[in-house]
Protein backbone atom coordinates (compact mmCIF):
# COMPACT_ATOMS: atom_id res chain seq x y z
CA UNK A 1 79.82 131.99 112.83
CA UNK A 2 79.57 135.67 111.21
CA UNK A 3 82.83 137.18 109.80
CA UNK A 4 82.52 139.96 112.31
CA UNK A 5 83.30 137.45 115.21
CA UNK A 6 85.97 136.14 113.25
CA UNK A 7 87.60 139.32 112.50
CA UNK A 8 87.80 139.99 116.48
CA UNK A 9 89.40 136.65 117.15
CA UNK A 10 92.08 137.27 114.30
CA UNK A 11 92.78 140.85 115.72
CA UNK A 12 92.90 139.47 119.33
CA UNK A 13 94.92 136.75 118.26
CA UNK A 14 97.47 138.67 116.25
CA UNK A 15 97.53 141.18 119.13
CA UNK A 16 98.35 138.97 122.10
CA UNK A 17 101.50 136.98 119.79
CA UNK A 18 102.90 140.51 119.20
CA UNK A 19 102.27 141.89 122.71
CA UNK A 20 103.68 138.84 124.66
CA UNK A 21 106.68 137.86 122.44
CA UNK A 22 107.37 134.77 124.32
CA UNK A 23 107.41 131.31 122.53
CA UNK A 24 105.43 129.10 124.83
CA UNK A 25 102.59 131.70 124.66
CA UNK A 26 103.32 131.99 120.95
CA UNK A 27 103.08 128.34 120.28
CA UNK A 28 99.98 127.71 122.39
CA UNK A 29 98.28 130.21 119.93
CA UNK A 30 99.76 128.57 117.12
CA UNK A 31 98.44 125.29 118.08
CA UNK A 32 95.20 127.15 118.84
CA UNK A 33 94.96 128.55 115.51
CA UNK A 34 96.05 125.61 113.52
CA UNK A 35 93.30 123.18 115.51
CA UNK A 36 90.74 125.92 115.12
CA UNK A 37 91.70 126.15 111.13
CA UNK A 38 91.65 122.52 110.63
CA UNK A 39 87.97 122.12 112.37
CA UNK A 40 86.42 125.05 110.80
CA UNK A 41 87.67 124.97 107.24
CA UNK A 42 85.13 125.17 104.60
CA UNK A 43 84.76 122.44 102.09
CA UNK A 44 85.44 124.65 99.30
CA UNK A 45 88.32 126.53 101.05
CA UNK A 46 90.94 127.52 98.41
CA UNK A 47 94.07 126.18 99.86
CA UNK A 48 95.90 124.52 103.10
CA UNK A 49 98.99 125.69 104.69
CA UNK A 50 101.65 122.93 104.95
CA UNK A 51 102.93 123.67 108.36
CA UNK A 52 105.89 121.75 108.37
CA UNK A 53 107.46 123.00 105.02
CA UNK A 54 106.86 126.59 105.69
CA UNK A 55 107.34 126.90 109.00
CA UNK A 56 110.66 125.16 108.81
CA UNK A 57 111.47 127.43 105.90
CA UNK A 58 110.45 130.82 107.85
CA UNK A 59 112.00 129.59 111.13
CA UNK A 60 115.64 128.57 109.50
CA UNK A 61 115.56 131.92 107.43
CA UNK A 62 114.70 134.07 110.50
CA UNK A 63 117.53 132.34 112.49
CA UNK A 64 119.91 132.80 110.15
CA UNK A 65 118.88 136.55 109.30
CA UNK A 66 119.17 137.40 112.88
CA UNK A 67 122.80 135.63 113.26
CA UNK A 68 123.95 137.41 110.31
CA UNK A 69 122.68 141.06 111.58
CA UNK A 70 123.14 140.70 115.56
CA UNK A 71 126.31 139.50 116.79
CA UNK A 72 125.67 139.50 120.63
CA UNK A 73 125.58 136.67 123.30
CA UNK A 74 127.99 134.70 125.39
CA UNK A 75 127.69 131.22 123.81
CA UNK A 76 129.82 131.92 120.69
CA UNK A 77 129.37 128.89 118.04
CA UNK A 78 132.21 130.65 115.64
CA UNK A 79 133.64 133.62 114.60
CA UNK A 80 134.19 135.58 111.06
CA UNK A 81 136.63 138.21 110.63
CA UNK A 82 135.95 141.60 112.17
CA UNK A 83 136.39 143.59 108.89
CA UNK A 84 133.74 141.65 106.92
CA UNK A 85 131.15 144.08 106.51
CA UNK A 86 127.73 143.24 108.07
CA UNK A 87 128.58 139.62 108.42
CA UNK A 88 132.02 139.69 110.67
CA UNK A 89 131.80 138.93 114.08
CA UNK A 90 130.76 136.12 116.42
CA UNK A 91 127.79 134.35 115.52
CA UNK A 92 126.07 133.31 119.20
CA UNK A 93 123.43 130.73 119.99
CA UNK A 94 121.34 133.95 121.74
CA UNK A 95 121.12 135.37 118.24
CA UNK A 96 119.98 132.29 116.96
CA UNK A 97 117.30 131.73 119.33
CA UNK A 98 116.00 135.19 119.31
CA UNK A 99 115.63 134.95 115.63
CA UNK A 100 113.68 131.60 116.13
CA UNK A 101 111.58 133.42 118.54
CA UNK A 102 110.89 136.08 115.81
CA UNK A 103 110.28 133.39 113.16
CA UNK A 104 107.85 131.69 115.46
CA UNK A 105 105.76 134.54 115.73
CA UNK A 106 105.90 135.44 111.79
CA UNK A 107 104.66 131.66 111.29
CA UNK A 108 102.02 132.21 114.07
CA UNK A 109 100.46 135.11 112.46
CA UNK A 110 100.50 133.20 108.89
CA UNK A 111 98.53 130.30 110.88
CA UNK A 112 95.88 133.09 112.16
CA UNK A 113 95.27 134.77 108.84
CA UNK A 114 95.47 131.19 107.23
CA UNK A 115 92.53 130.19 109.58
CA UNK A 116 90.47 133.12 108.45
CA UNK A 117 90.99 132.39 104.85
CA UNK A 118 89.70 128.79 105.22
CA UNK A 119 86.80 129.36 107.96
CA UNK A 120 85.26 132.62 106.14
CA UNK A 121 84.16 132.93 102.47
CA UNK A 122 85.51 135.82 100.82
CA UNK A 123 81.90 137.25 100.03
CA UNK A 124 81.50 137.64 103.90
CA UNK A 125 84.59 139.37 104.46
CA UNK A 126 84.12 141.67 101.32
CA UNK A 127 80.48 142.37 102.93
CA UNK A 128 82.30 143.94 106.06
CA UNK A 129 83.23 146.44 103.81
CA UNK A 130 81.45 150.11 104.44
CA UNK A 131 78.38 150.13 102.03
CA UNK A 132 79.76 153.70 100.68
CA UNK A 133 82.96 151.38 98.93
CA UNK A 134 80.23 149.35 97.35
CA UNK A 135 82.13 149.31 93.99
CA UNK A 136 86.07 149.07 95.62
CA UNK A 137 84.52 145.74 97.46
CA UNK A 138 82.90 144.29 93.93
CA UNK A 139 86.59 144.57 92.47
CA UNK A 140 88.27 143.21 95.42
CA UNK A 141 85.96 140.41 95.47
CA UNK A 142 86.73 139.54 91.93
CA UNK A 143 90.83 140.03 92.37
CA UNK A 144 91.04 137.97 95.24
CA UNK A 145 88.44 134.99 93.99
CA UNK A 146 90.43 135.03 90.42
CA UNK A 147 93.73 133.06 91.66
CA UNK A 148 92.05 130.20 93.64
CA UNK A 149 89.28 129.86 91.03
CA UNK A 150 92.06 129.48 88.46
CA UNK A 151 94.13 127.10 90.83
CA UNK A 152 91.09 124.89 91.17
CA UNK A 153 90.35 125.06 87.41
CA UNK A 154 93.97 123.93 86.80
CA UNK A 155 93.73 121.07 89.05
CA UNK A 156 90.50 119.61 87.39
CA UNK A 157 92.04 120.21 84.04
CA UNK A 158 95.17 118.17 84.73
CA UNK A 159 92.99 115.53 86.59
CA UNK A 160 90.93 115.37 83.17
CA UNK A 161 94.29 114.69 81.29
CA UNK A 162 96.02 112.49 83.52
CA UNK A 163 92.73 110.21 82.74
CA UNK A 164 93.58 110.35 79.31
CA UNK A 165 97.09 109.17 79.88
CA UNK A 166 98.50 112.69 79.29
CA UNK A 167 101.82 113.11 81.22
CA UNK A 168 103.58 116.83 81.36
CA UNK A 169 107.24 116.04 80.57
CA UNK A 170 108.37 119.49 79.12
CA UNK A 171 107.22 123.22 77.50
CA UNK A 172 105.24 121.53 74.75
CA UNK A 173 103.32 119.18 77.26
CA UNK A 174 101.67 122.23 78.56
CA UNK A 175 99.73 123.12 75.42
CA UNK A 176 96.36 120.63 76.43
CA UNK A 177 96.49 122.25 79.55
CA UNK A 178 96.76 125.79 78.97
CA UNK A 179 94.40 126.49 76.29
CA UNK A 180 91.34 125.00 78.28
CA UNK A 181 92.71 127.12 81.25
CA UNK A 182 92.41 130.12 79.08
CA UNK A 183 88.67 129.40 77.63
CA UNK A 184 87.90 128.81 80.98
CA UNK A 185 88.85 131.68 82.29
CA UNK A 186 87.17 133.69 79.39
CA UNK A 187 84.18 131.57 80.45
CA UNK A 188 84.10 132.69 84.00
CA UNK A 189 84.74 136.27 83.22
CA UNK A 190 81.74 136.34 81.31
CA UNK A 191 79.76 134.48 83.73
CA UNK A 192 80.88 136.99 86.37
CA UNK A 193 79.72 139.85 83.94
CA UNK A 194 76.31 138.23 82.89
CA UNK A 195 75.66 137.90 86.75
CA UNK A 196 76.79 141.55 87.42
CA UNK A 197 74.38 142.65 84.73
CA UNK A 198 71.60 140.47 85.95
CA UNK A 199 71.80 142.01 89.33
CA UNK A 200 71.69 145.65 87.92
CA UNK A 201 75.59 146.50 88.84
CA UNK A 202 76.14 149.68 87.44
CA UNK A 203 72.08 150.35 86.66
CA UNK A 204 72.05 153.30 89.29
CA UNK A 205 72.81 157.02 88.37
CA UNK A 206 75.94 158.17 90.36
CA UNK A 207 75.13 161.14 92.56
CA UNK A 208 77.81 163.81 93.03
CA UNK A 209 78.70 164.28 96.87
CA UNK A 210 78.44 167.63 98.40
CA UNK A 211 81.32 170.11 98.66
CA UNK A 212 81.03 170.04 102.53
CA UNK A 213 81.28 166.16 102.43
CA UNK A 214 84.41 166.19 100.07
CA UNK A 215 85.94 169.02 102.41
CA UNK A 216 85.42 166.95 105.76
CA UNK A 217 87.21 163.90 103.87
CA UNK A 218 89.86 165.85 102.73
CA UNK A 219 90.00 167.23 106.48
CA UNK A 220 89.66 163.42 108.13
CA UNK A 221 92.70 162.58 105.86
CA UNK A 222 95.11 165.69 106.52
CA UNK A 223 94.24 164.84 110.37
CA UNK A 224 95.44 161.14 109.72
CA UNK A 225 98.65 161.92 108.43
CA UNK A 226 99.35 165.03 110.13
CA UNK A 227 98.80 162.79 113.43
CA UNK A 228 101.11 160.04 112.09
CA UNK A 229 103.83 162.55 111.57
CA UNK A 230 103.18 164.56 114.79
CA UNK A 231 103.44 161.26 116.77
CA UNK A 232 106.88 161.42 116.09
CA UNK A 233 107.82 164.50 117.91
CA UNK A 234 104.76 165.47 119.99
CA UNK A 235 103.87 161.89 121.17
CA UNK A 236 100.28 161.43 122.23
CA UNK A 237 99.12 164.52 120.88
CA UNK A 238 99.84 163.29 117.01
CA UNK A 239 98.01 159.95 118.18
CA UNK A 240 94.72 161.72 119.32
CA UNK A 241 94.87 163.78 115.96
CA UNK A 242 95.11 160.86 114.37
CA UNK A 243 92.31 159.06 116.12
CA UNK A 244 90.17 162.17 115.56
CA UNK A 245 90.98 161.81 111.58
CA UNK A 246 90.14 158.10 111.70
CA UNK A 247 86.47 158.63 113.62
CA UNK A 248 85.59 161.63 111.02
CA UNK A 249 86.29 159.47 108.05
CA UNK A 250 84.49 156.60 109.65
CA UNK A 251 81.63 158.73 110.37
CA UNK A 252 81.65 159.87 107.06
CA UNK A 253 81.68 156.36 105.28
CA UNK A 254 78.76 155.36 107.77
CA UNK A 255 76.53 158.22 106.70
CA UNK A 256 77.21 158.00 102.88
CA UNK A 257 76.82 154.05 103.34
CA UNK A 258 73.19 154.92 104.59
CA UNK A 259 72.39 156.74 101.53
CA UNK A 260 73.20 153.56 99.50
CA UNK A 261 70.33 151.20 98.91
CA UNK A 262 71.44 147.79 99.94
CA UNK A 263 70.10 143.93 100.24
CA UNK A 264 71.33 140.48 101.17
CA UNK A 265 70.88 137.19 100.24
CA UNK A 266 69.92 135.25 102.96
CA UNK A 267 71.17 137.47 105.83
CA UNK A 268 72.87 135.38 109.19
CA UNK A 269 71.77 136.52 112.52
CA UNK A 270 73.93 137.28 115.61
CA UNK A 271 73.82 134.01 117.58
CA UNK A 272 75.05 133.41 120.92
CA UNK A 273 77.99 131.52 119.46
CA UNK A 274 79.33 134.60 117.88
CA UNK A 275 78.88 136.49 121.32
CA UNK A 276 80.57 133.72 122.99
CA UNK A 277 83.36 134.04 120.02
CA UNK A 278 83.74 137.76 120.85
CA UNK A 279 84.16 137.62 124.57
CA UNK A 280 86.41 134.47 124.53
CA UNK A 281 88.72 136.37 121.97
CA UNK A 282 88.91 139.67 123.64
CA UNK A 283 89.61 138.16 127.32
CA UNK A 284 92.99 136.59 126.57
CA UNK A 285 93.91 140.06 125.45
CA UNK A 286 92.49 141.82 128.12
CA UNK A 287 94.45 139.61 130.77
CA UNK A 288 97.80 139.96 128.79
CA UNK A 289 97.41 143.83 128.83
CA UNK A 290 96.83 143.64 132.52
CA UNK A 291 99.74 141.54 133.51
CA UNK A 292 101.85 142.51 130.73
CA UNK A 293 105.20 142.96 133.11
CA UNK A 294 107.19 140.14 132.62
CA UNK A 295 105.77 138.26 130.20
CA UNK A 296 108.13 139.05 127.31
CA UNK A 297 111.34 136.79 126.53
CA UNK A 298 114.98 137.69 125.45
CA UNK A 299 117.83 135.29 125.47
CA UNK A 300 120.23 138.41 125.73
CA UNK A 301 122.60 138.87 127.08
CA UNK A 302 122.72 135.44 128.58
CA UNK A 303 120.45 132.47 127.31
CA UNK A 304 117.67 131.50 129.79
CA UNK A 305 114.14 129.48 129.62
CA UNK A 306 111.13 131.83 129.07
CA UNK A 307 108.97 132.46 131.50
CA UNK A 308 105.28 131.41 131.94
CA UNK A 309 102.53 132.67 133.78
CA UNK A 310 99.53 129.66 133.97
CA UNK A 311 96.55 132.35 134.10
CA UNK A 312 98.05 133.61 130.59
CA UNK A 313 98.65 130.36 129.39
CA UNK A 314 95.20 128.83 130.10
CA UNK A 315 93.44 132.37 129.02
CA UNK A 316 95.20 131.69 125.36
CA UNK A 317 93.27 128.06 125.34
CA UNK A 318 90.11 130.35 124.74
CA UNK A 319 91.11 130.70 121.22
CA UNK A 320 90.18 127.29 120.64
CA UNK A 321 86.72 128.41 121.27
CA UNK A 322 85.76 128.02 117.50
CA UNK A 323 86.96 124.73 116.96
CA UNK A 324 85.12 123.21 120.01
CA UNK A 325 81.85 125.18 119.01
CA UNK A 326 81.92 123.92 115.17
CA UNK A 327 80.90 120.43 115.64
CA UNK A 328 78.03 121.81 117.89
CA UNK A 329 76.63 124.01 114.97
CA UNK A 330 77.03 121.40 112.53
CA UNK A 331 74.87 119.28 114.49
CA UNK A 332 72.13 121.95 115.33
CA UNK A 333 72.16 123.53 111.85
CA UNK A 334 72.52 121.33 108.88
CA UNK A 335 73.96 122.67 105.75
CA UNK A 336 71.88 124.22 103.54
CA UNK A 337 73.11 124.63 99.49
CA UNK A 338 74.29 127.83 98.68
CA UNK A 339 73.62 128.88 94.83
CA UNK A 340 75.95 131.07 92.80
CA UNK A 341 74.31 134.17 93.55
CA UNK A 342 75.81 134.32 97.36
CA UNK A 343 79.29 134.72 95.86
CA UNK A 344 78.57 138.44 95.16
CA UNK A 345 78.10 140.97 97.93
């Protein structure tokens, strides 16, 4: 499936989690995103998320922080002297439960974006950048692929050294690993430079943009920042000005992008699966916005069970669509080996 469909999926899932703020619905989205990430993960994915370790740490820290900062609730676990700055006062179960709920939201957002990272290659995400920002896209691509490539090379070097009987026991034992890692990084930098030169990067003459275009871009930026500041005092007029500035900047980038020559290696067509992914990702968000009243959960002032709407819960299961469709796509579309040139936009 195309990167555009995955972006809609990520935005809808993240918005749904932050809008409902209910642990029951959050768990549904968390499990759906985790299943989609496991089923749709690429064979060359940079890393896998250890959900048990990271999740336990996030939940524990979130609950502890909320109990330290908020001293409200009926079920008191213990008390500290009130004259202790910040941490003094009662420590309640309600504060811990609310902290766990916030930590669950953070963990779900992390899983959602990790699913995007493992299912979609970095080059496909960079291609979503406007053509007017092509130079920035290349820089971002090289930057975000540096760490995964370095980690993969470090793993291969350690495996090769382990076969030779090398064991890391101290700082001196890292010398046979760091030197090949440094040389490999230089070789990759040379390979990237040669590939970019072979594809003619930087060979075109830079064209200076007209003064009118530069003026409109400045007006759009001023409208965005001015609207953001005005929204704190005037409300909707500020948001309206901010939206107008965003639309103006987007129109300018689109217009400049049409003046930039652009070719793609093996372009991917929009299929019915992409349409289905967009529809199933947007539908739960629409249902949440229609039935938003009563969906949020708060344990204050007294602890109670979170509510559950079957319609909203079933709609959130639509985020499993990528995991259901992925096996069908593998059977209908056999894998085609990609060459290294596909790593560049």
